[in-house]
Amino acid sequence: MPDRFTMTRGLGAICAAVLFGAAIAAPALAADPFDKLVALSKAEMEKTGGKIAMSLDWPEPDTRKVFPAFMKEFPFVKTITYKRETGIGPFGRFLLSIKQGENPPYDIMHIAGEFQQQYWEAGALVKPLFDYRELSKSLPASWPRIAEESYDPNGNFLATVGLVRGNVWNTKLVPAGKEPKTWAACIDPMWKGKVVVDARNKLHALQYDPQERPRHLAWLDGLMKNNVVIIDGQGPILQKVASGEYPIACGINYHSAQRLIDTGVRTLQFSVADSIPLEIGTRMYVNKWSTMPATSQLFAVWLATAGQEVLDKAAYRGFPSNPLNRNYEAAKGKHTAVCGSDCVAKWDGFNQEYQTKLKIPALKAE
């Protein structure tokens, strides 16, 4: 699959853009923050011919339904050229280039978590045009509000995706009523030696959250007493559960499991547990060099609200607190442990703690 692609709407959509544009008031006449934001974005797009160069850390297929949905909502956006930038390497190089006066080739881009503070301190990122909480109050009535966990306390960014972890089981091996819909089910003696977890820690949020931390650390001890099976990688784990080699796996990515289920793997089922570890991501900043600060904000707001349904279905990265999310009903009334920027900063310690608890040999630097 190509590393870069361009998404362009056809003639019919261009006509729709004209009709849509006529319906939008000029910035000076816009009544509230959201209307003003849309009007400013439309003006930006008119200057670029409706073209956006964008980079996120999503695989290209995840964007192929999300971008068209955004373009349908705002027809003045006519073309999105996309390239995935992932890991940390590109962002170190981009930062060096910025300091030398050469900006990245993207109008809208995410920044790897490890570099966000450095970009801010270097002046590469700026305050958004509008306060996100005020924008949330003025969104269209049919849109959900912005989830509380999306906000940056300082108002500098908006987190747009939620990475949920839960448990999976083989539907042919686990009898009705015994599905692992709680964390305690993973340490039930009836499954001794039959429960799988990932060698890579996926449950940082439970280690970080003060309410969940004591229970979670005791749970890790319980896994060891229950002869837990440790396998490296979500893919291999899900294959082994789906094939019937193991009945249960705990601490599994929703986006990894649900993709398989949606492709027709009928022996696999996923559920959030009685508390939900949530890692927030794709934090959208406004780049200082961008000629489209309003469109940057508009894309972020749409992703965090009206775009959550398509985001969940296409990329499996939605907030369970959002009514449009497929995990919404199962998450009702449950505590959500959020791993935000402060939690991410402590990952190394959490990973070491996880490895120690589960007696996973740590890799030694050569």
Protein backbone atom coordinates (compact mmCIF):
# COMPACT_ATOMS: atom_id res chain seq x y z
CA MET A 1 0.00 0.00 0.00
CA PRO A 2 1.48 3.39 -0.95
CA ASP A 3 3.02 5.56 1.69
CA ARG A 4 1.31 8.68 0.45
CA PHE A 5 -2.05 9.28 -1.11
CA THR A 6 -4.28 12.14 -2.14
CA MET A 7 -8.04 12.21 -1.61
CA THR A 8 -9.97 14.54 -3.92
CA ARG A 9 -13.69 15.05 -4.22
CA GLY A 10 -15.42 15.08 -7.59
CA LEU A 11 -17.39 17.69 -9.49
CA GLY A 12 -20.60 16.97 -7.58
CA ALA A 13 -18.86 17.69 -4.32
CA ILE A 14 -17.47 20.93 -5.74
CA CYS A 15 -21.01 21.99 -6.57
CA ALA A 16 -22.03 21.06 -3.06
CA ALA A 17 -19.22 23.25 -1.77
CA VAL A 18 -20.70 26.23 -3.58
CA LEU A 19 -24.11 25.60 -2.07
CA PHE A 20 -22.61 25.01 1.36
CA GLY A 21 -20.51 28.15 1.13
CA ALA A 22 -23.56 30.24 0.37
CA ALA A 23 -25.17 28.98 3.55
CA ILE A 24 -22.25 29.96 5.79
CA ALA A 25 -22.13 33.49 7.11
CA ALA A 26 -19.01 35.58 6.75
CA PRO A 27 -16.74 35.58 9.84
CA ALA A 28 -18.00 39.00 10.87
CA LEU A 29 -21.61 37.76 10.88
CA ALA A 30 -21.02 34.40 12.58
CA ALA A 31 -23.06 34.16 15.78
CA ASP A 32 -20.98 31.89 18.03
CA PRO A 33 -17.48 30.36 18.30
CA PHE A 34 -18.25 27.31 16.17
CA ASP A 35 -19.88 29.35 13.39
CA LYS A 36 -16.91 31.72 13.43
CA LEU A 37 -14.49 28.80 13.27
CA VAL A 38 -16.29 27.28 10.28
CA ALA A 39 -16.35 30.62 8.47
CA LEU A 40 -12.66 31.22 9.08
CA SER A 41 -11.83 27.71 7.92
CA LYS A 42 -13.83 28.23 4.73
CA ALA A 43 -11.88 31.42 4.06
CA GLU A 44 -8.60 29.56 4.58
CA MET A 45 -9.63 26.82 2.18
CA GLU A 46 -10.60 29.34 -0.49
CA LYS A 47 -7.00 30.60 -0.44
CA THR A 48 -5.54 27.09 -0.90
CA GLY A 49 -8.09 25.80 -3.38
CA GLY A 50 -9.48 23.53 -0.66
CA LYS A 51 -6.23 21.57 -0.36
CA ILE A 52 -4.75 20.22 2.90
CA ALA A 53 -1.44 18.40 3.40
CA MET A 54 -1.87 16.24 6.51
CA SER A 55 0.12 13.75 8.57
CA LEU A 56 -1.07 11.61 11.50
CA ASP A 57 0.22 8.39 13.02
CA TRP A 58 -2.68 6.35 11.62
CA PRO A 59 -2.22 3.63 9.00
CA GLU A 60 -3.45 4.85 5.65
CA PRO A 61 -6.51 2.51 5.52
CA ASP A 62 -7.82 4.07 8.74
CA THR A 63 -8.09 7.43 7.00
CA ARG A 64 -9.94 6.27 3.90
CA LYS A 65 -13.37 6.55 5.52
CA VAL A 66 -12.56 9.24 8.09
CA PHE A 67 -11.31 11.86 5.63
CA PRO A 68 -14.25 11.54 3.22
CA ALA A 69 -16.66 11.92 6.14
CA PHE A 70 -14.92 15.16 7.17
CA MET A 71 -14.96 16.42 3.58
CA LYS A 72 -18.65 15.59 3.27
CA GLU A 73 -19.40 17.58 6.43
CA PHE A 74 -17.35 20.54 5.18
CA PRO A 75 -17.40 20.52 1.36
CA PHE A 76 -15.05 23.47 1.09
CA VAL A 77 -12.29 20.95 1.92
CA LYS A 78 -11.69 19.39 -1.48
CA THR A 79 -8.38 17.54 -1.29
CA ILE A 80 -6.43 15.92 1.55
CA THR A 81 -2.95 14.68 0.74
CA TYR A 82 -1.81 12.30 3.47
CA LYS A 83 1.42 10.71 4.62
CA ARG A 84 1.83 8.73 7.81
CA GLU A 85 4.63 9.78 10.16
CA THR A 86 5.11 7.38 13.06
CA GLY A 87 7.66 6.54 15.72
CA ILE A 88 9.85 9.32 17.08
CA GLY A 89 12.56 9.60 14.42
CA PRO A 90 10.75 11.93 12.00
CA PHE A 91 9.79 14.36 14.74
CA GLY A 92 13.35 14.80 15.92
CA ARG A 93 14.39 15.59 12.36
CA PHE A 94 11.47 17.95 11.85
CA LEU A 95 12.34 19.82 15.05
CA LEU A 96 15.91 20.33 13.92
CA SER A 97 14.65 21.61 10.55
CA ILE A 98 12.21 24.01 12.24
CA LYS A 99 15.02 25.47 14.33
CA GLN A 100 16.97 26.01 11.10
CA GLY A 101 14.05 27.84 9.48
CA GLU A 102 12.66 24.97 7.39
CA ASN A 103 9.13 23.87 8.26
CA PRO A 104 7.57 20.40 7.85
CA PRO A 105 5.58 19.88 4.64
CA TYR A 106 2.24 19.49 6.44
CA ASP A 107 -0.51 22.01 7.16
CA ILE A 108 -2.01 19.76 9.83
CA MET A 109 0.09 17.19 11.66
CA HIS A 110 0.30 15.34 14.94
CA ILE A 111 3.45 15.40 17.07
CA ALA A 112 4.82 12.29 18.79
CA GLY A 113 4.17 12.50 22.52
CA GLU A 114 7.88 12.42 23.32
CA PHE A 115 8.39 15.66 21.38
CA GLN A 116 5.28 17.71 22.11
CA GLN A 117 6.82 19.72 24.94
CA GLN A 118 9.98 20.33 22.92
CA TYR A 119 7.97 21.64 19.97
CA TRP A 120 6.02 23.92 22.28
CA GLU A 121 9.15 25.28 23.91
CA ALA A 122 10.70 25.84 20.47
CA GLY A 123 7.73 28.01 19.47
CA ALA A 124 6.64 25.58 16.74
CA LEU A 125 3.13 25.32 18.21
CA VAL A 126 0.70 28.12 19.06
CA LYS A 127 -2.46 28.66 21.07
CA PRO A 128 -5.64 27.69 19.19
CA LEU A 129 -7.80 30.52 17.88
CA PHE A 130 -10.79 29.45 20.01
CA ASP A 131 -11.14 27.91 23.45
CA TYR A 132 -12.20 24.28 23.01
CA ARG A 133 -14.65 24.34 25.90
CA GLU A 134 -16.42 27.34 24.39
CA LEU A 135 -16.48 25.60 21.03
CA SER A 136 -18.07 22.54 22.61
CA LYS A 137 -20.91 24.67 23.95
CA SER A 138 -21.69 26.02 20.49
CA LEU A 139 -21.50 22.81 18.44
CA PRO A 140 -24.48 21.77 16.28
CA ALA A 141 -27.23 20.24 18.41
CA SER A 142 -26.89 16.86 16.66
CA TRP A 143 -23.20 16.56 17.55
CA PRO A 144 -22.01 15.03 20.85
CA ARG A 145 -20.08 17.30 23.17
CA ILE A 146 -16.31 17.04 23.56
CA ALA A 147 -15.36 14.34 26.07
CA GLU A 148 -13.85 15.69 29.26
CA GLU A 149 -10.73 13.57 28.87
CA SER A 150 -10.01 15.22 25.50
CA TYR A 151 -9.14 18.63 26.92
CA ASP A 152 -5.65 19.85 27.64
CA PRO A 153 -5.77 21.67 31.02
CA ASN A 154 -3.78 24.51 29.42
CA GLY A 155 -5.99 24.66 26.33
CA ASN A 156 -3.11 24.04 23.91
CA PHE A 157 -4.39 20.88 22.22
CA LEU A 158 -7.39 18.60 21.86
CA ALA A 159 -6.95 14.83 22.15
CA THR A 160 -9.11 13.17 19.52
CA VAL A 161 -8.80 9.41 19.98
CA GLY A 162 -9.19 6.99 22.84
CA LEU A 163 -7.37 3.65 22.87
CA VAL A 164 -9.42 1.21 24.92
CA ARG A 165 -8.18 -2.05 26.43
CA GLY A 166 -10.29 -4.97 27.62
CA ASN A 167 -10.57 -8.76 27.47
CA VAL A 168 -11.22 -11.27 24.68
CA TRP A 169 -12.35 -14.87 24.64
CA ASN A 170 -12.99 -17.79 22.34
CA THR A 171 -16.75 -18.14 21.96
CA LYS A 172 -16.51 -21.92 21.53
CA LEU A 173 -14.42 -22.51 24.64
CA VAL A 174 -15.94 -20.10 27.16
CA PRO A 175 -19.46 -21.06 28.29
CA ALA A 176 -22.25 -18.50 28.60
CA GLY A 177 -22.05 -16.67 31.91
CA LYS A 178 -18.31 -17.26 32.23
CA GLU A 179 -17.15 -14.60 29.78
CA PRO A 180 -14.25 -12.51 31.19
CA LYS A 181 -16.14 -9.24 31.51
CA THR A 182 -14.30 -8.32 34.71
CA TRP A 183 -10.60 -8.21 35.56
CA ALA A 184 -11.24 -10.71 38.36
CA ALA A 185 -12.29 -13.29 35.75
CA CYS A 186 -8.72 -13.34 34.46
CA ILE A 187 -7.45 -14.69 37.77
CA ASP A 188 -10.30 -17.18 38.34
CA PRO A 189 -8.71 -20.57 39.19
CA MET A 190 -10.98 -22.25 36.63
CA TRP A 191 -8.75 -20.69 33.95
CA LYS A 192 -5.42 -21.51 35.61
CA GLY A 193 -2.71 -21.78 32.96
CA LYS A 194 -5.16 -20.78 30.24
CA VAL A 195 -5.13 -16.98 30.37
CA VAL A 196 -2.82 -15.00 28.05
CA VAL A 197 -1.42 -11.48 28.48
CA ASP A 198 0.94 -9.43 26.36
CA ALA A 199 4.60 -9.19 27.30
CA ARG A 200 4.32 -5.54 26.32
CA ASN A 201 2.45 -3.52 28.91
CA LYS A 202 -0.91 -2.21 27.65
CA LEU A 203 -2.39 -1.28 31.02
CA HIS A 204 -0.43 1.81 32.07
CA ALA A 205 -3.66 3.65 32.85
CA LEU A 206 -4.53 1.18 35.60
CA GLN A 207 -1.07 1.56 37.14
CA TYR A 208 -1.39 5.35 37.00
CA ASP A 209 -4.96 5.81 38.25
CA PRO A 210 -4.97 6.17 42.07
CA GLN A 211 -8.32 4.39 42.40
CA GLU A 212 -7.27 1.44 40.27
CA ARG A 213 -3.60 1.12 41.14
CA PRO A 214 -3.87 -1.04 44.33
CA ARG A 215 -6.35 -3.41 42.72
CA HIS A 216 -4.30 -3.63 39.54
CA LEU A 217 -1.03 -4.43 41.29
CA ALA A 218 -2.77 -7.18 43.26
CA TRP A 219 -4.26 -8.38 39.96
CA LEU A 220 -0.81 -8.70 38.41
CA ASP A 221 0.21 -10.82 41.40
CA GLY A 222 -2.95 -12.88 40.88
CA LEU A 223 -2.01 -13.52 37.25
CA MET A 224 1.26 -15.06 38.35
CA LYS A 225 -0.51 -17.29 40.89
CA ASN A 226 -2.87 -18.35 38.11
CA ASN A 227 0.05 -19.44 35.89
CA VAL A 228 -0.60 -16.76 33.30
CA VAL A 229 0.77 -17.37 29.80
CA ILE A 230 2.84 -14.44 28.49
CA ILE A 231 3.15 -13.90 24.73
CA ASP A 232 4.76 -11.00 22.92
CA GLY A 233 2.40 -9.14 20.61
CA GLN A 234 -1.33 -8.52 20.23
CA GLY A 235 -1.51 -10.25 16.86
CA PRO A 236 -0.09 -13.60 17.99
CA ILE A 237 -2.24 -13.53 21.12
CA LEU A 238 -5.45 -12.95 19.19
CA GLN A 239 -4.57 -15.68 16.70
CA LYS A 240 -4.04 -18.18 19.50
CA VAL A 241 -7.34 -17.30 21.18
CA ALA A 242 -9.29 -17.29 17.92
CA SER A 243 -7.86 -20.69 16.95
CA GLY A 244 -8.77 -22.21 20.30
CA GLU A 245 -5.26 -22.71 21.64
CA TYR A 246 -6.21 -20.53 24.63
CA PRO A 247 -9.70 -19.52 25.79
CA ILE A 248 -9.01 -16.05 27.23
CA ALA A 249 -6.66 -13.07 26.82
CA CYS A 250 -6.68 -10.03 29.09
CA GLY A 251 -5.53 -6.45 28.58
CA ILE A 252 -6.11 -6.51 24.82
CA ASN A 253 -6.41 -3.53 22.46
CA TYR A 254 -9.96 -2.96 21.30
CA HIS A 255 -8.70 -1.76 17.93
CA SER A 256 -6.69 -4.98 17.44
CA ALA A 257 -9.48 -7.34 18.49
CA GLN A 258 -12.46 -5.64 16.87
CA ARG A 259 -10.70 -5.42 13.50
CA LEU A 260 -10.42 -9.21 13.45
CA ILE A 261 -14.01 -9.66 14.57
CA ASP A 262 -15.24 -7.29 11.86
CA THR A 263 -13.34 -9.23 9.20
CA GLY A 264 -15.35 -12.33 10.09
CA VAL A 265 -13.46 -14.06 12.92
CA ARG A 266 -16.52 -15.48 14.66
CA THR A 267 -14.71 -17.35 17.41
CA LEU A 268 -13.51 -14.11 19.00
CA GLN A 269 -15.38 -11.69 21.27
CA PHE A 270 -14.23 -8.50 23.00
CA SER A 271 -15.56 -6.69 26.05
CA VAL A 272 -14.50 -3.80 28.22
CA ALA A 273 -14.04 -4.93 31.82
CA ASP A 274 -15.45 -3.45 35.04
CA SER A 275 -12.94 -0.57 34.87
CA ILE A 276 -11.63 0.78 31.59
CA PRO A 277 -7.99 1.63 30.85
CA LEU A 278 -7.97 4.43 28.28
CA GLU A 279 -4.93 5.90 26.58
CA ILE A 280 -5.71 9.21 24.91
CA GLY A 281 -3.89 10.12 21.74
CA THR A 282 -3.69 11.98 18.42
CA ARG A 283 -3.39 15.28 20.25
CA MET A 284 -4.07 17.98 17.70
CA TYR A 285 -2.04 21.17 18.06
CA VAL A 286 -2.01 24.24 15.83
CA ASN A 287 1.31 24.54 14.01
CA LYS A 288 2.88 27.99 13.95
CA TRP A 289 3.81 27.64 10.29
CA SER A 290 0.38 26.46 9.14
CA THR A 291 -1.70 28.76 6.94
CA MET A 292 -4.85 27.08 8.22
CA PRO A 293 -5.09 27.40 12.04
CA ALA A 294 -8.90 27.48 11.91
CA THR A 295 -9.08 24.34 9.77
CA SER A 296 -6.64 22.63 12.14
CA GLN A 297 -9.03 23.34 15.00
CA LEU A 298 -12.09 22.41 12.99
CA PHE A 299 -10.63 19.02 12.09
CA ALA A 300 -9.71 18.39 15.74
CA VAL A 301 -13.18 19.37 17.01
CA TRP A 302 -14.94 17.27 14.37
CA LEU A 303 -12.76 14.23 15.15
CA ALA A 304 -13.48 14.55 18.87
CA THR A 305 -17.25 14.86 18.38
CA ALA A 306 -19.25 14.20 15.20
CA GLY A 307 -16.37 12.21 13.71
CA GLN A 308 -16.28 9.73 16.59
CA GLU A 309 -18.73 7.32 14.98
CA VAL A 310 -16.78 6.92 11.74
CA LEU A 311 -13.52 7.06 13.70
CA ASP A 312 -14.67 4.14 15.82
CA LYS A 313 -15.92 2.10 12.87
CA ALA A 314 -12.99 2.81 10.55
CA ALA A 315 -10.08 3.19 12.95
CA TYR A 316 -11.43 1.72 16.24
CA ARG A 317 -10.14 4.76 18.11
CA GLY A 318 -13.13 6.35 19.81
CA PHE A 319 -13.90 7.49 23.34
CA PRO A 320 -16.20 5.03 25.17
CA SER A 321 -17.86 7.99 26.90
CA ASN A 322 -19.17 9.17 23.51
CA PRO A 323 -22.73 7.99 22.71
CA LEU A 324 -21.63 7.25 19.12
CA ASN A 325 -19.00 4.74 20.28
CA ARG A 326 -19.71 1.00 20.08
CA ASN A 327 -18.36 0.53 23.60
CA TYR A 328 -20.62 3.23 25.02
CA GLU A 329 -23.34 0.95 26.44
CA ALA A 330 -20.86 -1.50 27.94
CA ALA A 331 -18.89 1.38 29.49
CA LYS A 332 -21.87 3.06 31.18
CA GLY A 333 -21.37 3.50 34.91
CA LYS A 334 -17.84 2.13 34.86
CA HIS A 335 -14.75 3.92 36.05
CA THR A 336 -12.40 5.01 33.27
CA ALA A 337 -8.71 5.21 34.11
CA VAL A 338 -7.17 7.76 31.75
CA CYS A 339 -3.54 7.68 30.66
CA GLY A 340 -2.82 11.23 29.57
CA SER A 341 0.40 13.15 29.14
CA ASP A 342 1.48 12.86 32.80
CA CYS A 343 0.86 9.11 32.70
CA VAL A 344 2.81 8.75 29.44
CA ALA A 345 5.78 10.50 31.05
CA LYS A 346 5.91 7.68 33.61
CA TRP A 347 5.74 4.80 31.14
CA ASP A 348 9.30 3.62 31.72
CA GLY A 349 8.66 3.11 35.42
CA PHE A 350 5.30 1.44 34.79
CA ASN A 351 6.85 -0.91 32.23
CA GLN A 352 9.59 -1.90 34.65
CA GLU A 353 7.00 -2.52 37.36
CA TYR A 354 4.92 -4.63 34.97
CA GLN A 355 7.94 -6.70 33.94
CA THR A 356 8.98 -7.24 37.55
CA LYS A 357 5.49 -8.31 38.63
CA LEU A 358 5.15 -10.80 35.77
CA LYS A 359 8.82 -11.85 35.89
CA ILE A 360 9.39 -10.80 32.28
CA PRO A 361 13.12 -10.47 31.54
CA ALA A 362 13.96 -6.89 30.66
CA LEU A 363 16.00 -6.17 27.55
CA LYS A 364 19.49 -5.03 28.39
CA ALA A 365 21.20 -2.30 26.44
CA GLU A 366 24.29 -3.53 24.62
